């Protein structure tokens, strides 16, 4: 139930906000992906 509500809230945000929000979100997700890729290297060494 919580997951479905969260998805609904995200859908509302995506429909009501402007493009600058999407750019910031994409950049944020991109940074997380880079960190996720780098983390295993730190753990191994």
PDB file of N, CA and C in Angstrom:
ATOM      1  N   UNK A   1       0.826  -1.206   0.000  1.00  0.00           N
ATOM      2  CA  UNK A   1       0.000   0.000   0.000  1.00  0.00           C
ATOM      3  C   UNK A   1       0.864   1.263   0.000  1.00  0.00           C
ATOM      4  N   UNK A   2       1.902   1.263   0.825  1.00  0.00           N
ATOM      5  CA  UNK A   2       2.797   2.417   0.914  1.00  0.00           C
ATOM      6  C   UNK A   2       3.514   2.668  -0.412  1.00  0.00           C
ATOM      7  N   UNK A   3       3.913   1.587  -1.072  1.00  0.00           N
ATOM      8  CA  UNK A   3       4.629   1.705  -2.347  1.00  0.00           C
ATOM      9  C   UNK A   3       3.733   2.324  -3.407  1.00  0.00           C
ATOM     10  N   UNK A   4       2.485   1.853  -3.479  1.00  0.00           N
ATOM     11  CA  UNK A   4       1.537   2.388  -4.448  1.00  0.00           C
ATOM     12  C   UNK A   4       1.276   3.869  -4.214  1.00  0.00           C
ATOM     13  N   UNK A   5       1.162   4.248  -2.953  1.00  0.00           N
ATOM     14  CA  UNK A   5       0.938   5.652  -2.605  1.00  0.00           C
ATOM     15  C   UNK A   5       2.132   6.514  -3.006  1.00  0.00           C
ATOM     16  N   UNK A   6       3.323   5.981  -2.783  1.00  0.00           N
ATOM     17  CA  UNK A   6       4.549   6.684  -3.147  1.00  0.00           C
ATOM     18  C   UNK A   6       4.618   6.913  -4.657  1.00  0.00           C
ATOM     19  N   UNK A   7       4.263   5.888  -5.427  1.00  0.00           N
ATOM     20  CA  UNK A   7       4.242   5.989  -6.889  1.00  0.00           C
ATOM     21  C   UNK A   7       3.236   7.045  -7.337  1.00  0.00           C
ATOM     22  N   UNK A   8       2.078   7.066  -6.695  1.00  0.00           N
ATOM     23  CA  UNK A   8       1.056   8.062  -7.018  1.00  0.00           C
ATOM     24  C   UNK A   8       1.556   9.475  -6.745  1.00  0.00           C
ATOM     25  N   UNK A   9       2.240   9.650  -5.619  1.00  0.00           N
ATOM     26  CA  UNK A   9       2.796  10.959  -5.262  1.00  0.00           C
ATOM     27  C   UNK A   9       3.856  11.402  -6.275  1.00  0.00           C
ATOM     28  N   UNK A  10       4.692  10.454  -6.689  1.00  0.00           N
ATOM     29  CA  UNK A  10       5.721  10.752  -7.681  1.00  0.00           C
ATOM     30  C   UNK A  10       5.102  11.121  -9.026  1.00  0.00           C
ATOM     31  N   UNK A  11       4.018  10.436  -9.386  1.00  0.00           N
ATOM     32  CA  UNK A  11       3.312  10.745 -10.626  1.00  0.00           C
ATOM     33  C   UNK A  11       2.719  12.146 -10.582  1.00  0.00           C
ATOM     34  N   UNK A  12       2.181  12.524  -9.427  1.00  0.00           N
ATOM     35  CA  UNK A  12       1.627  13.873  -9.246  1.00  0.00           C
ATOM     36  C   UNK A  12       2.725  14.918  -9.411  1.00  0.00           C
ATOM     37  N   UNK A  13       3.879  14.658  -8.795  1.00  0.00           N
ATOM     38  CA  UNK A  13       5.015  15.574  -8.890  1.00  0.00           C
ATOM     39  C   UNK A  13       5.485  15.732 -10.332  1.00  0.00           C
ATOM     40  N   UNK A  14       5.588  14.629 -11.035  1.00  0.00           N
ATOM     41  CA  UNK A  14       6.082  14.647 -12.411  1.00  0.00           C
ATOM     42  C   UNK A  14       5.136  15.391 -13.347  1.00  0.00           C
ATOM     43  N   UNK A  15       3.839  15.385 -13.030  1.00  0.00           N
ATOM     44  CA  UNK A  15       2.874  16.053 -13.896  1.00  0.00           C
ATOM     45  C   UNK A  15       2.747  17.538 -13.576  1.00  0.00           C
ATOM     46  N   UNK A  16       2.978  17.909 -12.315  1.00  0.00           N
ATOM     47  CA  UNK A  16       2.761  19.295 -11.897  1.00  0.00           C
ATOM     48  C   UNK A  16       4.013  20.166 -11.966  1.00  0.00           C
ATOM     49  N   UNK A  17       5.202  19.550 -11.866  1.00  0.00           N
ATOM     50  CA  UNK A  17       6.437  20.335 -11.831  1.00  0.00           C
ATOM     51  C   UNK A  17       6.986  20.609 -13.222  1.00  0.00           C
ATOM     52  N   UNK A  18       7.892  21.585 -13.298  1.00  0.00           N
ATOM     53  CA  UNK A  18       8.479  21.993 -14.573  1.00  0.00           C
ATOM     54  C   UNK A  18       9.689  21.133 -14.930  1.00  0.00           C
ATOM     55  N   UNK A  19      10.323  21.466 -16.055  1.00  0.00           N
ATOM     56  CA  UNK A  19      11.434  20.662 -16.560  1.00  0.00           C
ATOM     57  C   UNK A  19      12.694  20.758 -15.697  1.00  0.00           C
ATOM     58  N   UNK A  20      12.878  21.879 -15.036  1.00  0.00           N
ATOM     59  CA  UNK A  20      14.070  22.054 -14.200  1.00  0.00           C
ATOM     60  C   UNK A  20      14.125  21.013 -13.087  1.00  0.00           C
ATOM     61  N   UNK A  21      12.953  20.652 -12.566  1.00  0.00           N
ATOM     62  CA  UNK A  21      12.874  19.614 -11.534  1.00  0.00           C
ATOM     63  C   UNK A  21      13.348  18.280 -12.091  1.00  0.00           C
ATOM     64  N   UNK A  22      12.930  17.963 -13.311  1.00  0.00           N
ATOM     65  CA  UNK A  22      13.312  16.702 -13.945  1.00  0.00           C
ATOM     66  C   UNK A  22      14.814  16.652 -14.214  1.00  0.00           C
ATOM     67  N   UNK A  23      15.376  17.795 -14.605  1.00  0.00           N
ATOM     68  CA  UNK A  23      16.821  17.858 -14.848  1.00  0.00           C
ATOM     69  C   UNK A  23      17.592  17.605 -13.564  1.00  0.00           C
ATOM     70  N   UNK A  24      17.133  18.215 -12.476  1.00  0.00           N
ATOM     71  CA  UNK A  24      17.779  18.027 -11.173  1.00  0.00           C
ATOM     72  C   UNK A  24      17.660  16.577 -10.717  1.00  0.00           C
ATOM     73  N   UNK A  25      16.490  15.988 -10.927  1.00  0.00           N
ATOM     74  CA  UNK A  25      16.248  14.601 -10.524  1.00  0.00           C
ATOM     75  C   UNK A  25      17.131  13.650 -11.325  1.00  0.00           C
ATOM     76  N   UNK A  26      17.220  13.874 -12.631  1.00  0.00           N
ATOM     77  CA  UNK A  26      18.050  13.031 -13.486  1.00  0.00           C
ATOM     78  C   UNK A  26      19.520  13.130 -13.101  1.00  0.00           C
ATOM     79  N   UNK A  27      19.970  14.345 -12.798  1.00  0.00           N
ATOM     80  CA  UNK A  27      21.353  14.561 -12.375  1.00  0.00           C
ATOM     81  C   UNK A  27      21.627  13.861 -11.054  1.00  0.00           C
ATOM     82  N   UNK A  28      20.658  13.937 -10.145  1.00  0.00           N
ATOM     83  CA  UNK A  28      20.758  13.291  -8.841  1.00  0.00           C
ATOM     84  C   UNK A  28      20.862  11.775  -8.989  1.00  0.00           C
ATOM     85  N   UNK A  29      20.000  11.200  -9.840  1.00  0.00           N
ATOM     86  CA  UNK A  29      20.017   9.758 -10.080  1.00  0.00           C
ATOM     87  C   UNK A  29      21.320   9.330 -10.755  1.00  0.00           C
ATOM     88  N   UNK A  30      21.817  10.183 -11.645  1.00  0.00           N
ATOM     89  CA  UNK A  30      23.076   9.918 -12.339  1.00  0.00           C
ATOM     90  C   UNK A  30      24.242   9.854 -11.354  1.00  0.00           C
ATOM     91  N   UNK A  31      24.263  10.799 -10.399  1.00  0.00           N
ATOM     92  CA  UNK A  31      25.304  10.823  -9.374  1.00  0.00           C
ATOM     93  C   UNK A  31      25.235   9.580  -8.493  1.00  0.00           C
ATOM     94  N   UNK A  32      24.035   9.143  -8.168  1.00  0.00           N
ATOM     95  CA  UNK A  32      23.844   7.936  -7.355  1.00  0.00           C
ATOM     96  C   UNK A  32      24.384   6.711  -8.093  1.00  0.00           C
ATOM     97  N   UNK A  33      24.117   6.646  -9.405  1.00  0.00           N
ATOM     98  CA  UNK A  33      24.610   5.525 -10.210  1.00  0.00           C
ATOM     99  C   UNK A  33      26.134   5.474 -10.206  1.00  0.00           C
ATOM    100  N   UNK A  34      26.764   6.644 -10.334  1.00  0.00           N
ATOM    101  CA  UNK A  34      28.234   6.724 -10.310  1.00  0.00           C
ATOM    102  C   UNK A  34      28.769   6.250  -8.957  1.00  0.00           C
ATOM    103  N   UNK A  35      28.135   6.710  -7.882  1.00  0.00           N
ATOM    104  CA  UNK A  35      28.541   6.291  -6.540  1.00  0.00           C
ATOM    105  C   UNK A  35      28.370   4.789  -6.358  1.00  0.00           C
ATOM    106  N   UNK A  36      27.272   4.254  -6.857  1.00  0.00           N
ATOM    107  CA  UNK A  36      26.980   2.823  -6.748  1.00  0.00           C
ATOM    108  C   UNK A  36      28.020   1.994  -7.499  1.00  0.00           C
ATOM    109  N   UNK A  37      28.501   2.532  -8.619  1.00  0.00           N
ATOM    110  CA  UNK A  37      29.527   1.838  -9.394  1.00  0.00           C
ATOM    111  C   UNK A  37      30.901   1.915  -8.719  1.00  0.00           C
ATOM    112  N   UNK A  38      31.155   3.029  -8.042  1.00  0.00           N
ATOM    113  CA  UNK A  38      32.447   3.220  -7.389  1.00  0.00           C
ATOM    114  C   UNK A  38      32.547   2.491  -6.053  1.00  0.00           C
ATOM    115  N   UNK A  39      31.447   2.348  -5.346  1.00  0.00           N
ATOM    116  CA  UNK A  39      31.458   1.726  -4.027  1.00  0.00           C
ATOM    117  C   UNK A  39      32.094   0.337  -3.988  1.00  0.00           C
ATOM    118  N   UNK A  40      31.739  -0.575  -4.911  1.00  0.00           N
ATOM    119  CA  UNK A  40      32.359  -1.910  -4.879  1.00  0.00           C
ATOM    120  C   UNK A  40      33.883  -1.866  -4.967  1.00  0.00           C
ATOM    121  N   UNK A  41      34.421  -0.901  -5.711  1.00  0.00           N
ATOM    122  CA  UNK A  41      35.873  -0.754  -5.835  1.00  0.00           C
ATOM    123  C   UNK A  41      36.510  -0.418  -4.495  1.00  0.00           C
ATOM    124  N   UNK A  42      35.853   0.443  -3.731  1.00  0.00           N
ATOM    125  CA  UNK A  42      36.360   0.811  -2.407  1.00  0.00           C
ATOM    126  C   UNK A  42      36.291  -0.372  -1.446  1.00  0.00           C
ATOM    127  N   UNK A  43      35.255  -1.177  -1.567  1.00  0.00           N
ATOM    128  CA  UNK A  43      35.070  -2.336  -0.692  1.00  0.00           C
ATOM    129  C   UNK A  43      36.136  -3.402  -0.988  1.00  0.00           C
ATOM    130  N   UNK A  44      36.433  -3.613  -2.268  1.00  0.00           N
ATOM    131  CA  UNK A  44      37.404  -4.624  -2.686  1.00  0.00           C
ATOM    132  C   UNK A  44      38.809  -4.252  -2.234  1.00  0.00           C
ATOM    133  N   UNK A  45      39.199  -2.997  -2.409  1.00  0.00           N
ATOM    134  CA  UNK A  45      40.567  -2.572  -2.089  1.00  0.00           C
ATOM    135  C   UNK A  45      40.788  -2.441  -0.591  1.00  0.00           C
TER     136      UNK A  45
END
